[in-house]
Amino acid sequence: MGSFSIWHWLIVLVVVLLLFGRGKIPELMGDMAKGIKSFKKGMSDEDADDEKAVDARTVEHRADETVQAKEKTSKS
């Protein structure tokens, strides 16, 4: 019951061809490919926007400033 024979797959193929027709299947595949490309482009654009946002919020830290500030407060 777990596996299908070649006859099952042929019947499924015939039903799919009857429902969608020969011209409709390539059109559906083309639309699916366009959707995948659009999704990938959107994801890469989002990643680029995230990288720009992270760079804009980066604050550089200098170790010598912290040491000097602590020395001034401990001398007071």
Foldseek 3Di string as FASTA:
>chain_A
DPDDDPVVVVVVVVVVCVVQNPVRVVVVVVVVVVVVVVVVVVVVVVVVVVVVVVVVPDDDDDPVVVVVVVVVVVVD
